[in-house]
C-alpha cells in the first residue's frame, strides 16, 4: 500500500547521498597510492562537509579537505586554502610522497591558484562517482530511515 509522496528534508537527502557515495569514495581512496590527488567539484557544501567528516573517520591514511577560507561557515579544520592545497599536492621536504589527497571544490569557486588543482593534476571523481552510484537506489536507505517505500 502506498503512503503517497513524502517531503524530504535537506538532512535526509544529505544522509541518503552520503550512504551512496561513501562506499565508493572509500574504495577509491584505498586503491590510490601515495602522491595521488583527486577532486570532486560542485557538490553542495553540506554534502561536502558530511562526506569529509565521514571519510576522515573511516579512511585515516588520506588527506581529505574542502577548498575554502574563513568566509565559509564550516569547521576550520575541514578547510584548506588554495596555497596549502598546492603544498599538499607536492612532495614532502624529504622528497617522499604524501598520502592520497581528496579535495571538494565548492560551486562557483574562484581562486588564484586554480590552475594548480585542475584536472591535469587532480583526478576528477564527479563522473565516476555518479556512474558508480547511478545503478544503486535509495530503497534500502529509505526503509532503514523511516522514509517508507521508495520506488
N, C-alpha and C. Protein backbone atom coordinates (compact mmCIF):
# COMPACT_ATOMS: atom_id res chain seq x y z
N UNK A 1 0.84 -1.17 0.00
CA UNK A 1 0.00 0.00 0.00
C UNK A 1 0.89 1.24 0.00
N UNK A 2 0.58 2.17 -0.85
CA UNK A 2 1.37 3.38 -0.99
C UNK A 2 0.94 4.42 0.04
N UNK A 3 1.92 5.13 0.56
CA UNK A 3 1.62 6.19 1.52
C UNK A 3 1.66 7.55 0.84
N UNK A 4 1.86 7.61 -0.46
CA UNK A 4 1.89 8.86 -1.18
C UNK A 4 3.25 9.53 -1.08
N UNK A 5 3.30 10.73 -1.59
CA UNK A 5 4.55 11.47 -1.55
C UNK A 5 4.85 11.95 -0.15
N UNK A 6 6.10 12.01 0.15
CA UNK A 6 6.54 12.44 1.46
C UNK A 6 7.66 13.46 1.27
N UNK A 7 7.54 14.60 1.92
CA UNK A 7 8.57 15.64 1.80
C UNK A 7 9.85 15.17 2.48
N UNK A 8 10.95 15.36 1.77
CA UNK A 8 12.26 15.03 2.34
C UNK A 8 12.92 16.32 2.79
N UNK A 9 13.52 16.26 3.94
CA UNK A 9 14.25 17.41 4.46
C UNK A 9 15.69 17.34 3.96
N UNK A 10 16.37 18.47 3.94
CA UNK A 10 17.74 18.53 3.43
C UNK A 10 18.64 17.49 4.09
N UNK A 11 18.53 17.34 5.41
CA UNK A 11 19.41 16.38 6.09
C UNK A 11 19.14 14.94 5.66
N UNK A 12 17.91 14.62 5.29
CA UNK A 12 17.61 13.28 4.81
C UNK A 12 18.23 13.04 3.43
N UNK A 13 18.20 14.05 2.59
CA UNK A 13 18.81 13.94 1.26
C UNK A 13 20.32 13.79 1.41
N UNK A 14 20.92 14.61 2.28
CA UNK A 14 22.37 14.53 2.52
C UNK A 14 22.73 13.13 3.02
N UNK A 15 21.97 12.60 3.97
CA UNK A 15 22.25 11.27 4.51
C UNK A 15 22.13 10.19 3.44
N UNK A 16 21.12 10.31 2.59
CA UNK A 16 20.93 9.32 1.53
C UNK A 16 22.08 9.36 0.53
N UNK A 17 22.48 10.56 0.13
CA UNK A 17 23.60 10.69 -0.81
C UNK A 17 24.90 10.22 -0.17
N UNK A 18 25.09 10.56 1.10
CA UNK A 18 26.29 10.11 1.81
C UNK A 18 26.34 8.58 1.85
N UNK A 19 25.20 7.94 2.12
CA UNK A 19 25.15 6.48 2.16
C UNK A 19 25.50 5.86 0.81
N UNK A 20 25.17 6.55 -0.28
CA UNK A 20 25.51 6.06 -1.61
C UNK A 20 26.97 6.32 -1.97
N UNK A 21 27.48 7.50 -1.62
CA UNK A 21 28.80 7.92 -2.08
C UNK A 21 29.96 7.39 -1.25
N UNK A 22 29.79 7.27 0.06
CA UNK A 22 30.91 6.90 0.93
C UNK A 22 31.55 5.56 0.56
N UNK A 23 30.79 4.51 0.34
CA UNK A 23 31.46 3.23 -0.02
C UNK A 23 32.35 3.35 -1.26
N UNK A 24 31.86 4.04 -2.28
CA UNK A 24 32.66 4.22 -3.49
C UNK A 24 33.92 5.04 -3.20
N UNK A 25 33.76 6.14 -2.49
CA UNK A 25 34.91 7.01 -2.21
C UNK A 25 35.93 6.30 -1.32
N UNK A 26 35.48 5.49 -0.37
CA UNK A 26 36.42 4.71 0.46
C UNK A 26 37.22 3.75 -0.42
N UNK A 27 36.54 3.11 -1.35
CA UNK A 27 37.21 2.17 -2.26
C UNK A 27 38.24 2.90 -3.11
N UNK A 28 37.87 4.06 -3.64
CA UNK A 28 38.80 4.83 -4.47
C UNK A 28 40.01 5.26 -3.65
N UNK A 29 39.77 5.84 -2.48
CA UNK A 29 40.87 6.30 -1.63
C UNK A 29 41.80 5.15 -1.25
N UNK A 30 41.23 3.98 -0.98
CA UNK A 30 42.04 2.82 -0.62
C UNK A 30 42.85 2.25 -1.77
N UNK A 31 42.40 2.52 -2.98
CA UNK A 31 43.10 1.96 -4.14
C UNK A 31 44.12 2.91 -4.76
N UNK A 32 44.16 4.15 -4.29
CA UNK A 32 45.11 5.12 -4.84
C UNK A 32 46.34 5.19 -3.94
N UNK A 33 47.47 5.29 -4.56
CA UNK A 33 48.73 5.31 -3.82
C UNK A 33 49.10 6.69 -3.32
N UNK A 34 50.18 6.72 -2.56
CA UNK A 34 50.70 7.99 -2.06
C UNK A 34 51.02 8.90 -3.23
N UNK A 35 50.79 10.17 -3.04
CA UNK A 35 51.06 11.16 -4.07
C UNK A 35 49.91 11.38 -5.04
N UNK A 36 48.87 10.54 -4.96
CA UNK A 36 47.74 10.67 -5.88
C UNK A 36 46.80 11.77 -5.39
N UNK A 37 46.34 12.63 -6.30
CA UNK A 37 45.45 13.74 -5.95
C UNK A 37 44.13 13.59 -6.70
N UNK A 38 43.03 13.80 -5.97
CA UNK A 38 41.69 13.68 -6.54
C UNK A 38 40.86 14.89 -6.14
N UNK A 39 39.86 15.19 -6.95
CA UNK A 39 38.97 16.30 -6.64
C UNK A 39 37.54 15.95 -7.01
N UNK A 40 36.62 16.57 -6.29
CA UNK A 40 35.20 16.48 -6.61
C UNK A 40 34.68 17.90 -6.59
N UNK A 41 34.20 18.36 -7.73
CA UNK A 41 33.76 19.74 -7.86
C UNK A 41 32.24 19.85 -7.81
N UNK A 42 31.79 20.97 -7.28
CA UNK A 42 30.41 21.44 -7.37
C UNK A 42 29.37 20.66 -6.57
N UNK A 43 29.78 19.94 -5.52
CA UNK A 43 28.79 19.35 -4.62
C UNK A 43 28.31 20.42 -3.66
N UNK A 44 27.07 20.31 -3.23
CA UNK A 44 26.53 21.22 -2.22
C UNK A 44 27.44 21.18 -0.99
N UNK A 45 27.66 22.32 -0.37
CA UNK A 45 28.59 22.42 0.75
C UNK A 45 28.22 21.47 1.89
N UNK A 46 26.93 21.37 2.23
CA UNK A 46 26.52 20.48 3.32
C UNK A 46 26.90 19.03 3.03
N UNK A 47 26.77 18.62 1.78
CA UNK A 47 27.14 17.26 1.40
C UNK A 47 28.66 17.09 1.46
N UNK A 48 29.40 18.09 1.00
CA UNK A 48 30.87 18.02 1.06
C UNK A 48 31.34 17.92 2.50
N UNK A 49 30.72 18.67 3.41
CA UNK A 49 31.08 18.61 4.83
C UNK A 49 30.81 17.22 5.39
N UNK A 50 29.62 16.68 5.11
CA UNK A 50 29.27 15.34 5.62
C UNK A 50 30.23 14.29 5.08
N UNK A 51 30.53 14.35 3.80
CA UNK A 51 31.45 13.37 3.21
C UNK A 51 32.85 13.51 3.78
N UNK A 52 33.32 14.75 3.95
CA UNK A 52 34.65 14.96 4.51
C UNK A 52 34.75 14.40 5.92
N UNK A 53 33.75 14.68 6.75
CA UNK A 53 33.78 14.19 8.13
C UNK A 53 33.75 12.67 8.18
N UNK A 54 32.87 12.06 7.41
CA UNK A 54 32.75 10.60 7.43
C UNK A 54 34.00 9.93 6.87
N UNK A 55 34.49 10.43 5.75
CA UNK A 55 35.68 9.82 5.14
C UNK A 55 36.90 9.98 6.04
N UNK A 56 37.03 11.09 6.73
CA UNK A 56 38.16 11.26 7.65
C UNK A 56 38.11 10.25 8.79
N UNK A 57 36.90 9.94 9.26
CA UNK A 57 36.75 8.94 10.32
C UNK A 57 37.08 7.54 9.81
N UNK A 58 36.70 7.24 8.58
CA UNK A 58 36.78 5.88 8.07
C UNK A 58 38.03 5.59 7.23
N UNK A 59 38.73 6.63 6.79
CA UNK A 59 39.94 6.44 5.98
C UNK A 59 41.03 7.33 6.58
N UNK A 60 41.80 6.77 7.50
CA UNK A 60 42.80 7.56 8.21
C UNK A 60 44.04 7.88 7.38
N UNK A 61 44.34 7.08 6.38
CA UNK A 61 45.58 7.26 5.62
C UNK A 61 45.38 8.07 4.34
N UNK A 62 44.60 9.14 4.44
CA UNK A 62 44.37 10.05 3.31
C UNK A 62 44.15 11.46 3.85
N UNK A 63 44.48 12.44 3.03
CA UNK A 63 44.18 13.84 3.35
C UNK A 63 42.90 14.22 2.64
N UNK A 64 41.90 14.68 3.39
CA UNK A 64 40.59 15.00 2.82
C UNK A 64 40.18 16.38 3.31
N UNK A 65 39.91 17.28 2.37
CA UNK A 65 39.60 18.67 2.69
C UNK A 65 38.52 19.23 1.80
N UNK A 66 38.03 20.40 2.19
CA UNK A 66 37.17 21.24 1.37
C UNK A 66 37.97 22.50 1.08
N UNK A 67 38.06 22.88 -0.17
CA UNK A 67 38.80 24.08 -0.51
C UNK A 67 37.97 25.30 -0.11
N UNK A 68 38.56 26.18 0.67
CA UNK A 68 37.85 27.38 1.09
C UNK A 68 38.65 28.19 2.08
N UNK A 69 38.01 29.21 2.58
CA UNK A 69 38.67 30.08 3.57
C UNK A 69 37.69 30.37 4.70
N UNK A 70 38.06 31.29 5.57
CA UNK A 70 37.25 31.57 6.76
C UNK A 70 35.89 32.19 6.46
N UNK A 71 35.64 32.56 5.21
CA UNK A 71 34.32 33.12 4.87
C UNK A 71 33.27 32.01 4.73
N UNK A 72 33.71 30.77 4.63
CA UNK A 72 32.78 29.64 4.54
C UNK A 72 32.45 29.17 5.95
N UNK A 73 31.18 29.02 6.24
CA UNK A 73 30.73 28.64 7.58
C UNK A 73 30.87 27.13 7.78
N UNK A 74 32.11 26.71 7.94
CA UNK A 74 32.45 25.30 8.12
C UNK A 74 33.54 25.21 9.18
N UNK A 75 33.59 24.08 9.88
CA UNK A 75 34.67 23.88 10.86
C UNK A 75 36.01 24.14 10.17
N UNK A 76 36.84 25.02 10.74
CA UNK A 76 38.09 25.39 10.08
C UNK A 76 39.02 24.22 9.75
N UNK A 77 39.01 23.16 10.56
CA UNK A 77 39.93 22.05 10.27
C UNK A 77 39.52 21.24 9.04
N UNK A 78 38.30 21.46 8.53
CA UNK A 78 37.87 20.77 7.31
C UNK A 78 38.34 21.50 6.06
N UNK A 79 38.74 22.77 6.23
CA UNK A 79 39.08 23.61 5.10
C UNK A 79 40.57 23.61 4.79
N UNK A 80 40.88 23.86 3.54
CA UNK A 80 42.27 24.04 3.11
C UNK A 80 42.28 25.24 2.16
N UNK A 81 43.29 26.08 2.29
CA UNK A 81 43.44 27.22 1.37
C UNK A 81 44.03 26.72 0.06
N UNK A 82 43.91 27.52 -0.98
CA UNK A 82 44.48 27.11 -2.27
C UNK A 82 46.00 26.97 -2.17
N UNK A 83 46.64 27.84 -1.40
CA UNK A 83 48.09 27.76 -1.22
C UNK A 83 48.48 26.47 -0.52
N UNK A 84 47.76 26.13 0.55
CA UNK A 84 48.05 24.90 1.29
C UNK A 84 47.75 23.66 0.43
N UNK A 85 46.71 23.75 -0.40
CA UNK A 85 46.37 22.63 -1.27
C UNK A 85 47.50 22.34 -2.24
N UNK A 86 48.10 23.38 -2.80
CA UNK A 86 49.24 23.20 -3.69
C UNK A 86 50.39 22.55 -2.93
N UNK A 87 50.61 22.96 -1.69
CA UNK A 87 51.66 22.36 -0.86
C UNK A 87 51.38 20.88 -0.62
N UNK A 88 50.12 20.53 -0.33
CA UNK A 88 49.75 19.14 -0.07
C UNK A 88 49.87 18.27 -1.33
N UNK A 89 49.79 18.90 -2.48
CA UNK A 89 49.93 18.18 -3.74
C UNK A 89 51.38 17.81 -4.00
N UNK A 90 52.28 18.63 -3.51
CA UNK A 90 53.71 18.46 -3.77
C UNK A 90 54.35 17.46 -2.80
N UNK A 91 55.57 17.08 -3.11
CA UNK A 91 56.33 16.15 -2.26
C UNK A 91 56.61 16.77 -0.89
N UNK A 92 56.86 15.90 0.08
CA UNK A 92 57.30 16.35 1.40
C UNK A 92 58.72 16.91 1.28
N UNK A 93 59.17 17.70 2.25
CA UNK A 93 60.53 18.27 2.17
C UNK A 93 61.63 17.23 1.98
N UNK A 94 61.42 16.01 2.50
CA UNK A 94 62.44 14.96 2.34
C UNK A 94 62.34 14.22 1.00
N UNK A 95 61.40 14.67 0.14
CA UNK A 95 61.26 14.07 -1.19
C UNK A 95 60.28 12.91 -1.26
N UNK A 96 59.71 12.51 -0.12
CA UNK A 96 58.76 11.39 -0.12
C UNK A 96 57.36 11.88 -0.51
N UNK A 97 56.54 10.92 -0.92
CA UNK A 97 55.17 11.23 -1.35
C UNK A 97 54.25 11.38 -0.14
N UNK A 98 53.29 12.23 -0.29
CA UNK A 98 52.27 12.42 0.75
C UNK A 98 51.16 11.38 0.56
N UNK A 99 50.32 11.17 1.59
CA UNK A 99 49.18 10.27 1.43
C UNK A 99 48.24 10.77 0.32
N UNK A 100 47.37 9.90 -0.19
CA UNK A 100 46.40 10.34 -1.20
C UNK A 100 45.65 11.58 -0.70
N UNK A 101 45.30 12.44 -1.63
CA UNK A 101 44.64 13.70 -1.32
C UNK A 101 43.33 13.79 -2.06
N UNK A 102 42.25 14.07 -1.34
CA UNK A 102 40.93 14.30 -1.94
C UNK A 102 40.47 15.68 -1.48
N UNK A 103 40.08 16.50 -2.43
CA UNK A 103 39.58 17.83 -2.10
C UNK A 103 38.22 18.04 -2.77
N UNK A 104 37.29 18.62 -2.00
CA UNK A 104 35.99 19.01 -2.52
C UNK A 104 36.07 20.48 -2.90
N UNK A 105 35.68 20.80 -4.12
CA UNK A 105 35.72 22.17 -4.62
C UNK A 105 34.30 22.71 -4.66
N UNK A 106 33.98 23.69 -3.81
CA UNK A 106 32.61 24.21 -3.77
C UNK A 106 32.20 24.83 -5.12
N UNK A 107 30.89 24.90 -5.35
CA UNK A 107 30.41 25.53 -6.59
C UNK A 107 30.87 26.99 -6.68
N UNK A 108 31.04 27.49 -7.90
CA UNK A 108 31.40 28.89 -8.17
C UNK A 108 32.70 29.31 -7.51
N UNK A 109 33.60 28.38 -7.36
CA UNK A 109 34.89 28.65 -6.73
C UNK A 109 35.80 29.39 -7.70
N UNK A 110 36.45 30.45 -7.20
CA UNK A 110 37.46 31.16 -7.98
C UNK A 110 38.62 31.48 -7.04
N UNK A 111 39.80 30.98 -7.39
CA UNK A 111 40.98 31.24 -6.57
C UNK A 111 42.16 31.61 -7.46
N UNK A 112 43.21 32.11 -6.83
CA UNK A 112 44.41 32.50 -7.58
C UNK A 112 45.14 31.30 -8.15
N UNK A 113 45.14 30.19 -7.45
CA UNK A 113 45.94 29.03 -7.85
C UNK A 113 45.10 27.96 -8.54
N UNK A 114 44.00 28.36 -9.16
CA UNK A 114 43.06 27.41 -9.75
C UNK A 114 43.70 26.44 -10.73
N UNK A 115 44.68 26.90 -11.51
CA UNK A 115 45.36 26.03 -12.47
C UNK A 115 46.16 24.94 -11.78
N UNK A 116 46.49 25.12 -10.52
CA UNK A 116 47.32 24.16 -9.80
C UNK A 116 46.54 22.94 -9.31
N UNK A 117 45.22 23.00 -9.36
CA UNK A 117 44.43 21.83 -8.96
C UNK A 117 43.34 21.55 -9.98
N UNK A 118 43.68 21.72 -11.25
CA UNK A 118 42.73 21.39 -12.31
C UNK A 118 42.82 19.91 -12.64
N UNK A 119 42.09 19.48 -13.64
CA UNK A 119 42.03 18.05 -13.96
C UNK A 119 43.33 17.50 -14.55
N UNK A 120 44.26 18.38 -14.90
CA UNK A 120 45.55 17.91 -15.37
C UNK A 120 46.40 17.36 -14.23
N UNK A 121 46.18 17.87 -13.01
CA UNK A 121 46.98 17.40 -11.88
C UNK A 121 46.15 16.69 -10.80
N UNK A 122 44.84 16.77 -10.89
CA UNK A 122 43.95 16.10 -9.93
C UNK A 122 42.95 15.24 -10.70
N UNK A 123 42.82 13.99 -10.31
CA UNK A 123 41.82 13.11 -10.92
C UNK A 123 40.43 13.62 -10.54
N UNK A 124 39.58 13.83 -11.53
CA UNK A 124 38.22 14.30 -11.28
C UNK A 124 37.34 13.10 -10.99
N UNK A 125 36.65 13.12 -9.85
CA UNK A 125 35.84 11.96 -9.43
C UNK A 125 34.33 12.17 -9.58
N UNK A 126 33.88 13.31 -10.07
CA UNK A 126 32.44 13.54 -10.15
C UNK A 126 31.77 12.53 -11.07
N UNK A 127 32.23 12.43 -12.30
CA UNK A 127 31.58 11.50 -13.23
C UNK A 127 31.69 10.05 -12.75
N UNK A 128 32.89 9.58 -12.36
CA UNK A 128 32.97 8.20 -11.86
C UNK A 128 32.09 7.99 -10.63
N UNK A 129 31.98 9.00 -9.77
CA UNK A 129 31.15 8.89 -8.57
C UNK A 129 29.70 8.66 -8.95
N UNK A 130 29.18 9.46 -9.86
CA UNK A 130 27.78 9.31 -10.25
C UNK A 130 27.55 8.06 -11.08
N UNK A 131 28.53 7.67 -11.91
CA UNK A 131 28.41 6.42 -12.67
C UNK A 131 28.37 5.22 -11.72
N UNK A 132 29.24 5.25 -10.71
CA UNK A 132 29.33 4.11 -9.79
C UNK A 132 28.09 3.97 -8.92
N UNK A 133 27.41 5.07 -8.66
CA UNK A 133 26.25 5.02 -7.76
C UNK A 133 24.92 5.12 -8.49
N UNK A 134 24.93 5.34 -9.79
CA UNK A 134 23.66 5.54 -10.51
C UNK A 134 22.82 4.28 -10.56
N UNK A 135 23.41 3.12 -10.51
CA UNK A 135 22.65 1.88 -10.54
C UNK A 135 22.09 1.50 -9.18
N UNK A 136 22.50 2.20 -8.16
CA UNK A 136 22.04 1.91 -6.82
C UNK A 136 20.76 2.69 -6.57
N UNK A 137 20.01 2.29 -5.58
CA UNK A 137 18.79 3.04 -5.27
C UNK A 137 18.77 3.40 -3.80
N UNK A 138 17.87 4.26 -3.47
CA UNK A 138 17.72 4.70 -2.08
C UNK A 138 16.72 3.82 -1.33
N UNK A 139 16.28 2.72 -1.95
CA UNK A 139 15.28 1.87 -1.29
C UNK A 139 15.74 1.42 0.08
N UNK A 140 16.93 0.85 0.15
CA UNK A 140 17.43 0.34 1.42
C UNK A 140 17.56 1.47 2.42
N UNK A 141 18.12 2.59 1.99
CA UNK A 141 18.27 3.74 2.89
C UNK A 141 16.89 4.18 3.40
N UNK A 142 15.94 4.30 2.50
CA UNK A 142 14.61 4.78 2.87
C UNK A 142 13.94 3.87 3.88
N UNK A 143 14.03 2.58 3.69
CA UNK A 143 13.42 1.63 4.62
C UNK A 143 14.08 1.71 5.99
N UNK A 144 15.44 1.84 6.00
CA UNK A 144 16.16 1.88 7.28
C UNK A 144 15.90 3.17 8.04
N UNK A 145 15.51 4.23 7.35
CA UNK A 145 15.42 5.53 7.98
C UNK A 145 14.00 6.09 8.00
N UNK A 146 13.01 5.21 7.92
CA UNK A 146 11.62 5.61 8.10
C UNK A 146 11.04 6.47 6.99
N UNK A 147 11.57 6.35 5.79
CA UNK A 147 11.03 7.14 4.69
C UNK A 147 9.96 6.39 3.92
N UNK A 148 9.61 5.21 4.39
CA UNK A 148 8.59 4.43 3.69
C UNK A 148 9.15 3.79 2.44
N UNK A 149 8.29 3.30 1.61
CA UNK A 149 8.70 2.63 0.38
C UNK A 149 9.11 3.67 -0.66
N UNK A 150 10.31 3.54 -1.17
CA UNK A 150 10.78 4.42 -2.23
C UNK A 150 10.85 3.59 -3.49
N UNK A 151 10.07 3.93 -4.49
CA UNK A 151 10.02 3.12 -5.71
C UNK A 151 11.32 3.13 -6.47
